[in-house]
């Protein structure tokens, strides 16, 4: 299995904040659901990050891998109808230190706002992309929430069972 170097910017941010974490190398994955399978973790404990553009800047929406983002809820919560997904063409230019599609949910030097679905807060730990498609980080959910200064809210589509 070929493992690319994990982007140091992300790990440096964790180290600087003295946040304990476990780096988990794995096979190449393209989705958060594949990531959950690769690291043998339930999908509700794996966070996927969706980058949004708003009139006030970029927002990283974070939700469980097994859920879908509800843009109506996000727009209501942010108080703007001008909230859209960042296009795949724009994303690499925003975060050149990370592989497209593997942007961690940390504001870093970009100063992005972070919003987190409350379903992730119900687990003692969370797994998230480490900036590459071949490595993840497991950390305590409380540490994740503290370092991101995230707003906790309901971001997911309601399920009809």
C-alpha atoms as a PDB file:
ATOM      1  CA  UNK A   1       0.000   0.000   0.000  1.00  0.00           C
ATOM      2  CA  UNK A   2       1.476   3.342  -1.043  1.00  0.00           C
ATOM      3  CA  UNK A   3       1.022   6.043   1.597  1.00  0.00           C
ATOM      4  CA  UNK A   4       1.553   9.646   0.655  1.00  0.00           C
ATOM      5  CA  UNK A   5       3.016  12.033   3.167  1.00  0.00           C
ATOM      6  CA  UNK A   6       0.302  13.402   5.409  1.00  0.00           C
ATOM      7  CA  UNK A   7       0.075  17.172   5.063  1.00  0.00           C
ATOM      8  CA  UNK A   8       2.118  18.587   7.912  1.00  0.00           C
ATOM      9  CA  UNK A   9      -0.010  21.731   8.257  1.00  0.00           C
ATOM     10  CA  UNK A  10      -2.812  19.713   9.800  1.00  0.00           C
ATOM     11  CA  UNK A  11      -0.654  17.644  12.157  1.00  0.00           C
ATOM     12  CA  UNK A  12       1.374  20.719  13.107  1.00  0.00           C
ATOM     13  CA  UNK A  13      -1.851  22.447  14.158  1.00  0.00           C
ATOM     14  CA  UNK A  14      -2.779  19.498  16.389  1.00  0.00           C
ATOM     15  CA  UNK A  15       0.730  19.308  17.838  1.00  0.00           C
ATOM     16  CA  UNK A  16       0.857  23.063  18.519  1.00  0.00           C
ATOM     17  CA  UNK A  17      -2.409  22.800  20.459  1.00  0.00           C
ATOM     18  CA  UNK A  18      -1.112  19.735  22.368  1.00  0.00           C
ATOM     19  CA  UNK A  19      -4.077  17.722  21.095  1.00  0.00           C
ATOM     20  CA  UNK A  20      -3.537  13.954  21.320  1.00  0.00           C
ATOM     21  CA  UNK A  21      -4.431  12.030  18.177  1.00  0.00           C
ATOM     22  CA  UNK A  22      -3.841   8.747  16.426  1.00  0.00           C
ATOM     23  CA  UNK A  23      -2.688   8.856  12.798  1.00  0.00           C
ATOM     24  CA  UNK A  24      -4.255   5.984  10.843  1.00  0.00           C
ATOM     25  CA  UNK A  25      -2.746   5.172   7.436  1.00  0.00           C
ATOM     26  CA  UNK A  26      -5.101   3.288   5.107  1.00  0.00           C
ATOM     27  CA  UNK A  27      -5.755   2.425   1.462  1.00  0.00           C
ATOM     28  CA  UNK A  28      -6.722   5.247  -0.889  1.00  0.00           C
ATOM     29  CA  UNK A  29     -10.366   6.276  -0.384  1.00  0.00           C
ATOM     30  CA  UNK A  30     -12.497   8.798  -2.220  1.00  0.00           C
ATOM     31  CA  UNK A  31     -15.419   9.185   0.189  1.00  0.00           C
ATOM     32  CA  UNK A  32     -15.950   9.384   3.933  1.00  0.00           C
ATOM     33  CA  UNK A  33     -17.988   6.174   3.780  1.00  0.00           C
ATOM     34  CA  UNK A  34     -15.019   4.404   2.174  1.00  0.00           C
ATOM     35  CA  UNK A  35     -12.809   5.938   4.877  1.00  0.00           C
ATOM     36  CA  UNK A  36     -15.036   4.440   7.596  1.00  0.00           C
ATOM     37  CA  UNK A  37     -14.731   1.032   5.974  1.00  0.00           C
ATOM     38  CA  UNK A  38     -10.956   1.359   5.530  1.00  0.00           C
ATOM     39  CA  UNK A  39     -10.341   2.252   9.186  1.00  0.00           C
ATOM     40  CA  UNK A  40     -12.972  -0.191  10.506  1.00  0.00           C
ATOM     41  CA  UNK A  41     -15.048   2.461  12.269  1.00  0.00           C
ATOM     42  CA  UNK A  42     -18.814   3.002  12.217  1.00  0.00           C
ATOM     43  CA  UNK A  43     -19.699   5.690   9.662  1.00  0.00           C
ATOM     44  CA  UNK A  44     -21.452   7.841  12.284  1.00  0.00           C
ATOM     45  CA  UNK A  45     -18.030   8.339  13.963  1.00  0.00           C
ATOM     46  CA  UNK A  46     -16.294   9.459  10.761  1.00  0.00           C
ATOM     47  CA  UNK A  47     -16.578  13.164   9.980  1.00  0.00           C
ATOM     48  CA  UNK A  48     -16.827  14.441   6.440  1.00  0.00           C
ATOM     49  CA  UNK A  49     -16.077  18.054   5.670  1.00  0.00           C
ATOM     50  CA  UNK A  50     -18.046  19.987   3.079  1.00  0.00           C
ATOM     51  CA  UNK A  51     -16.720  23.423   2.162  1.00  0.00           C
ATOM     52  CA  UNK A  52     -19.341  26.097   1.544  1.00  0.00           C
ATOM     53  CA  UNK A  53     -19.091  29.613   0.218  1.00  0.00           C
ATOM     54  CA  UNK A  54     -21.121  32.366   1.882  1.00  0.00           C
ATOM     55  CA  UNK A  55     -21.256  36.164   1.635  1.00  0.00           C
ATOM     56  CA  UNK A  56     -19.097  36.242   4.803  1.00  0.00           C
ATOM     57  CA  UNK A  57     -16.443  33.798   3.581  1.00  0.00           C
ATOM     58  CA  UNK A  58     -15.936  30.064   3.598  1.00  0.00           C
ATOM     59  CA  UNK A  59     -17.551  27.682   6.043  1.00  0.00           C
ATOM     60  CA  UNK A  60     -16.571  24.077   6.723  1.00  0.00           C
ATOM     61  CA  UNK A  61     -19.672  22.022   7.451  1.00  0.00           C
ATOM     62  CA  UNK A  62     -18.867  18.791   9.286  1.00  0.00           C
ATOM     63  CA  UNK A  63     -21.237  15.848   9.557  1.00  0.00           C
ATOM     64  CA  UNK A  64     -21.168  12.071   9.942  1.00  0.00           C
ATOM     65  CA  UNK A  65     -20.082  10.132   6.854  1.00  0.00           C
ATOM     66  CA  UNK A  66     -23.444   8.345   6.727  1.00  0.00           C
ATOM     67  CA  UNK A  67     -25.508  11.566   6.606  1.00  0.00           C
ATOM     68  CA  UNK A  68     -26.423  14.073   3.902  1.00  0.00           C
ATOM     69  CA  UNK A  69     -26.122  17.845   4.235  1.00  0.00           C
ATOM     70  CA  UNK A  70     -29.420  19.752   4.282  1.00  0.00           C
ATOM     71  CA  UNK A  71     -28.690  23.060   2.542  1.00  0.00           C
ATOM     72  CA  UNK A  72     -32.017  24.526   3.717  1.00  0.00           C
ATOM     73  CA  UNK A  73     -30.994  23.997   7.345  1.00  0.00           C
ATOM     74  CA  UNK A  74     -27.530  25.421   6.686  1.00  0.00           C
ATOM     75  CA  UNK A  75     -28.934  28.524   4.988  1.00  0.00           C
ATOM     76  CA  UNK A  76     -31.414  29.061   7.825  1.00  0.00           C
ATOM     77  CA  UNK A  77     -28.701  28.618  10.453  1.00  0.00           C
ATOM     78  CA  UNK A  78     -26.306  31.001   8.672  1.00  0.00           C
ATOM     79  CA  UNK A  79     -29.092  33.475   7.920  1.00  0.00           C
ATOM     80  CA  UNK A  80     -28.376  33.688   4.200  1.00  0.00           C
ATOM     81  CA  UNK A  81     -29.825  32.264   1.010  1.00  0.00           C
ATOM     82  CA  UNK A  82     -26.437  32.802  -0.649  1.00  0.00           C
ATOM     83  CA  UNK A  83     -24.774  29.632   0.649  1.00  0.00           C
ATOM     84  CA  UNK A  84     -23.435  27.204  -1.940  1.00  0.00           C
ATOM     85  CA  UNK A  85     -21.076  24.251  -2.171  1.00  0.00           C
ATOM     86  CA  UNK A  86     -17.587  25.248  -3.256  1.00  0.00           C
ATOM     87  CA  UNK A  87     -16.953  23.874  -6.739  1.00  0.00           C
ATOM     88  CA  UNK A  88     -14.373  21.168  -7.382  1.00  0.00           C
ATOM     89  CA  UNK A  89     -12.532  23.619  -9.634  1.00  0.00           C
ATOM     90  CA  UNK A  90     -12.146  26.209  -6.843  1.00  0.00           C
ATOM     91  CA  UNK A  91     -11.419  23.869  -3.918  1.00  0.00           C
ATOM     92  CA  UNK A  92      -7.756  22.995  -4.745  1.00  0.00           C
ATOM     93  CA  UNK A  93      -6.846  26.677  -4.927  1.00  0.00           C
ATOM     94  CA  UNK A  94      -8.365  27.377  -1.502  1.00  0.00           C
ATOM     95  CA  UNK A  95      -6.389  24.708   0.343  1.00  0.00           C
ATOM     96  CA  UNK A  96      -3.281  23.795  -1.682  1.00  0.00           C
ATOM     97  CA  UNK A  97      -1.761  22.127   1.387  1.00  0.00           C
ATOM     98  CA  UNK A  98      -4.445  19.402   1.266  1.00  0.00           C
ATOM     99  CA  UNK A  99      -5.603  16.940  -1.345  1.00  0.00           C
ATOM    100  CA  UNK A 100      -8.961  17.964  -2.862  1.00  0.00           C
ATOM    101  CA  UNK A 101     -11.724  16.045  -1.142  1.00  0.00           C
ATOM    102  CA  UNK A 102      -9.630  15.445   1.993  1.00  0.00           C
ATOM    103  CA  UNK A 103      -9.755  18.884   3.607  1.00  0.00           C
ATOM    104  CA  UNK A 104      -9.792  18.509   7.408  1.00  0.00           C
ATOM    105  CA  UNK A 105     -12.486  20.340   9.358  1.00  0.00           C
ATOM    106  CA  UNK A 106     -10.060  22.763  11.023  1.00  0.00           C
ATOM    107  CA  UNK A 107     -10.009  26.488  10.245  1.00  0.00           C
ATOM    108  CA  UNK A 108      -6.209  26.612  10.250  1.00  0.00           C
ATOM    109  CA  UNK A 109      -4.711  29.762   8.788  1.00  0.00           C
ATOM    110  CA  UNK A 110      -7.694  30.260   6.453  1.00  0.00           C
ATOM    111  CA  UNK A 111      -9.909  31.433   9.312  1.00  0.00           C
ATOM    112  CA  UNK A 112     -12.925  29.552   7.940  1.00  0.00           C
ATOM    113  CA  UNK A 113     -15.903  29.167  10.233  1.00  0.00           C
ATOM    114  CA  UNK A 114     -16.712  25.604  11.268  1.00  0.00           C
ATOM    115  CA  UNK A 115     -20.191  24.222  11.893  1.00  0.00           C
ATOM    116  CA  UNK A 116     -20.650  20.684  13.193  1.00  0.00           C
ATOM    117  CA  UNK A 117     -23.720  18.514  13.186  1.00  0.00           C
ATOM    118  CA  UNK A 118     -24.696  17.513  16.728  1.00  0.00           C
ATOM    119  CA  UNK A 119     -24.740  13.819  15.811  1.00  0.00           C
ATOM    120  CA  UNK A 120     -20.921  13.844  15.887  1.00  0.00           C
ATOM    121  CA  UNK A 121     -20.914  15.207  19.431  1.00  0.00           C
ATOM    122  CA  UNK A 122     -22.607  12.039  20.721  1.00  0.00           C
ATOM    123  CA  UNK A 123     -19.490   9.893  20.287  1.00  0.00           C
ATOM    124  CA  UNK A 124     -16.404  10.048  22.545  1.00  0.00           C
ATOM    125  CA  UNK A 125     -14.101  10.140  19.513  1.00  0.00           C
ATOM    126  CA  UNK A 126     -14.215  11.165  15.878  1.00  0.00           C
ATOM    127  CA  UNK A 127     -12.217  10.099  12.815  1.00  0.00           C
ATOM    128  CA  UNK A 128     -11.485  12.643  10.106  1.00  0.00           C
ATOM    129  CA  UNK A 129      -9.460  13.058   6.948  1.00  0.00           C
ATOM    130  CA  UNK A 130      -5.879  14.087   7.651  1.00  0.00           C
ATOM    131  CA  UNK A 131      -5.537  16.144   4.484  1.00  0.00           C
ATOM    132  CA  UNK A 132      -4.859  13.157   2.242  1.00  0.00           C
ATOM    133  CA  UNK A 133      -6.935  10.292   0.874  1.00  0.00           C
ATOM    134  CA  UNK A 134      -4.598   7.757   2.526  1.00  0.00           C
ATOM    135  CA  UNK A 135      -4.541   8.817   6.172  1.00  0.00           C
ATOM    136  CA  UNK A 136      -7.037   9.682   8.873  1.00  0.00           C
ATOM    137  CA  UNK A 137      -6.829  11.022  12.405  1.00  0.00           C
ATOM    138  CA  UNK A 138      -8.751   9.699  15.406  1.00  0.00           C
ATOM    139  CA  UNK A 139      -9.161  12.152  18.278  1.00  0.00           C
ATOM    140  CA  UNK A 140     -11.468  12.893  21.176  1.00  0.00           C
ATOM    141  CA  UNK A 141     -14.611  14.677  20.073  1.00  0.00           C
ATOM    142  CA  UNK A 142     -14.234  17.202  22.889  1.00  0.00           C
ATOM    143  CA  UNK A 143     -10.741  18.123  21.609  1.00  0.00           C
ATOM    144  CA  UNK A 144     -12.059  18.385  18.059  1.00  0.00           C
ATOM    145  CA  UNK A 145     -14.837  20.752  19.145  1.00  0.00           C
ATOM    146  CA  UNK A 146     -12.464  22.870  21.228  1.00  0.00           C
ATOM    147  CA  UNK A 147      -9.767  23.333  18.581  1.00  0.00           C
ATOM    148  CA  UNK A 148     -12.231  24.169  15.803  1.00  0.00           C
ATOM    149  CA  UNK A 149     -14.315  26.555  17.932  1.00  0.00           C
ATOM    150  CA  UNK A 150     -17.215  25.057  16.010  1.00  0.00           C
ATOM    151  CA  UNK A 151     -20.871  25.888  16.308  1.00  0.00           C
ATOM    152  CA  UNK A 152     -22.942  22.802  17.050  1.00  0.00           C
ATOM    153  CA  UNK A 153     -26.182  22.585  15.074  1.00  0.00           C
ATOM    154  CA  UNK A 154     -28.484  20.346  13.034  1.00  0.00           C
ATOM    155  CA  UNK A 155     -27.047  20.101   9.505  1.00  0.00           C
ATOM    156  CA  UNK A 156     -28.361  16.785   8.222  1.00  0.00           C
ATOM    157  CA  UNK A 157     -31.345  15.853   6.139  1.00  0.00           C
ATOM    158  CA  UNK A 158     -34.170  14.388   8.182  1.00  0.00           C
ATOM    159  CA  UNK A 159     -34.585  10.671   7.657  1.00  0.00           C
ATOM    160  CA  UNK A 160     -37.907   9.214   6.717  1.00  0.00           C
ATOM    161  CA  UNK A 161     -37.962   5.713   8.158  1.00  0.00           C
END
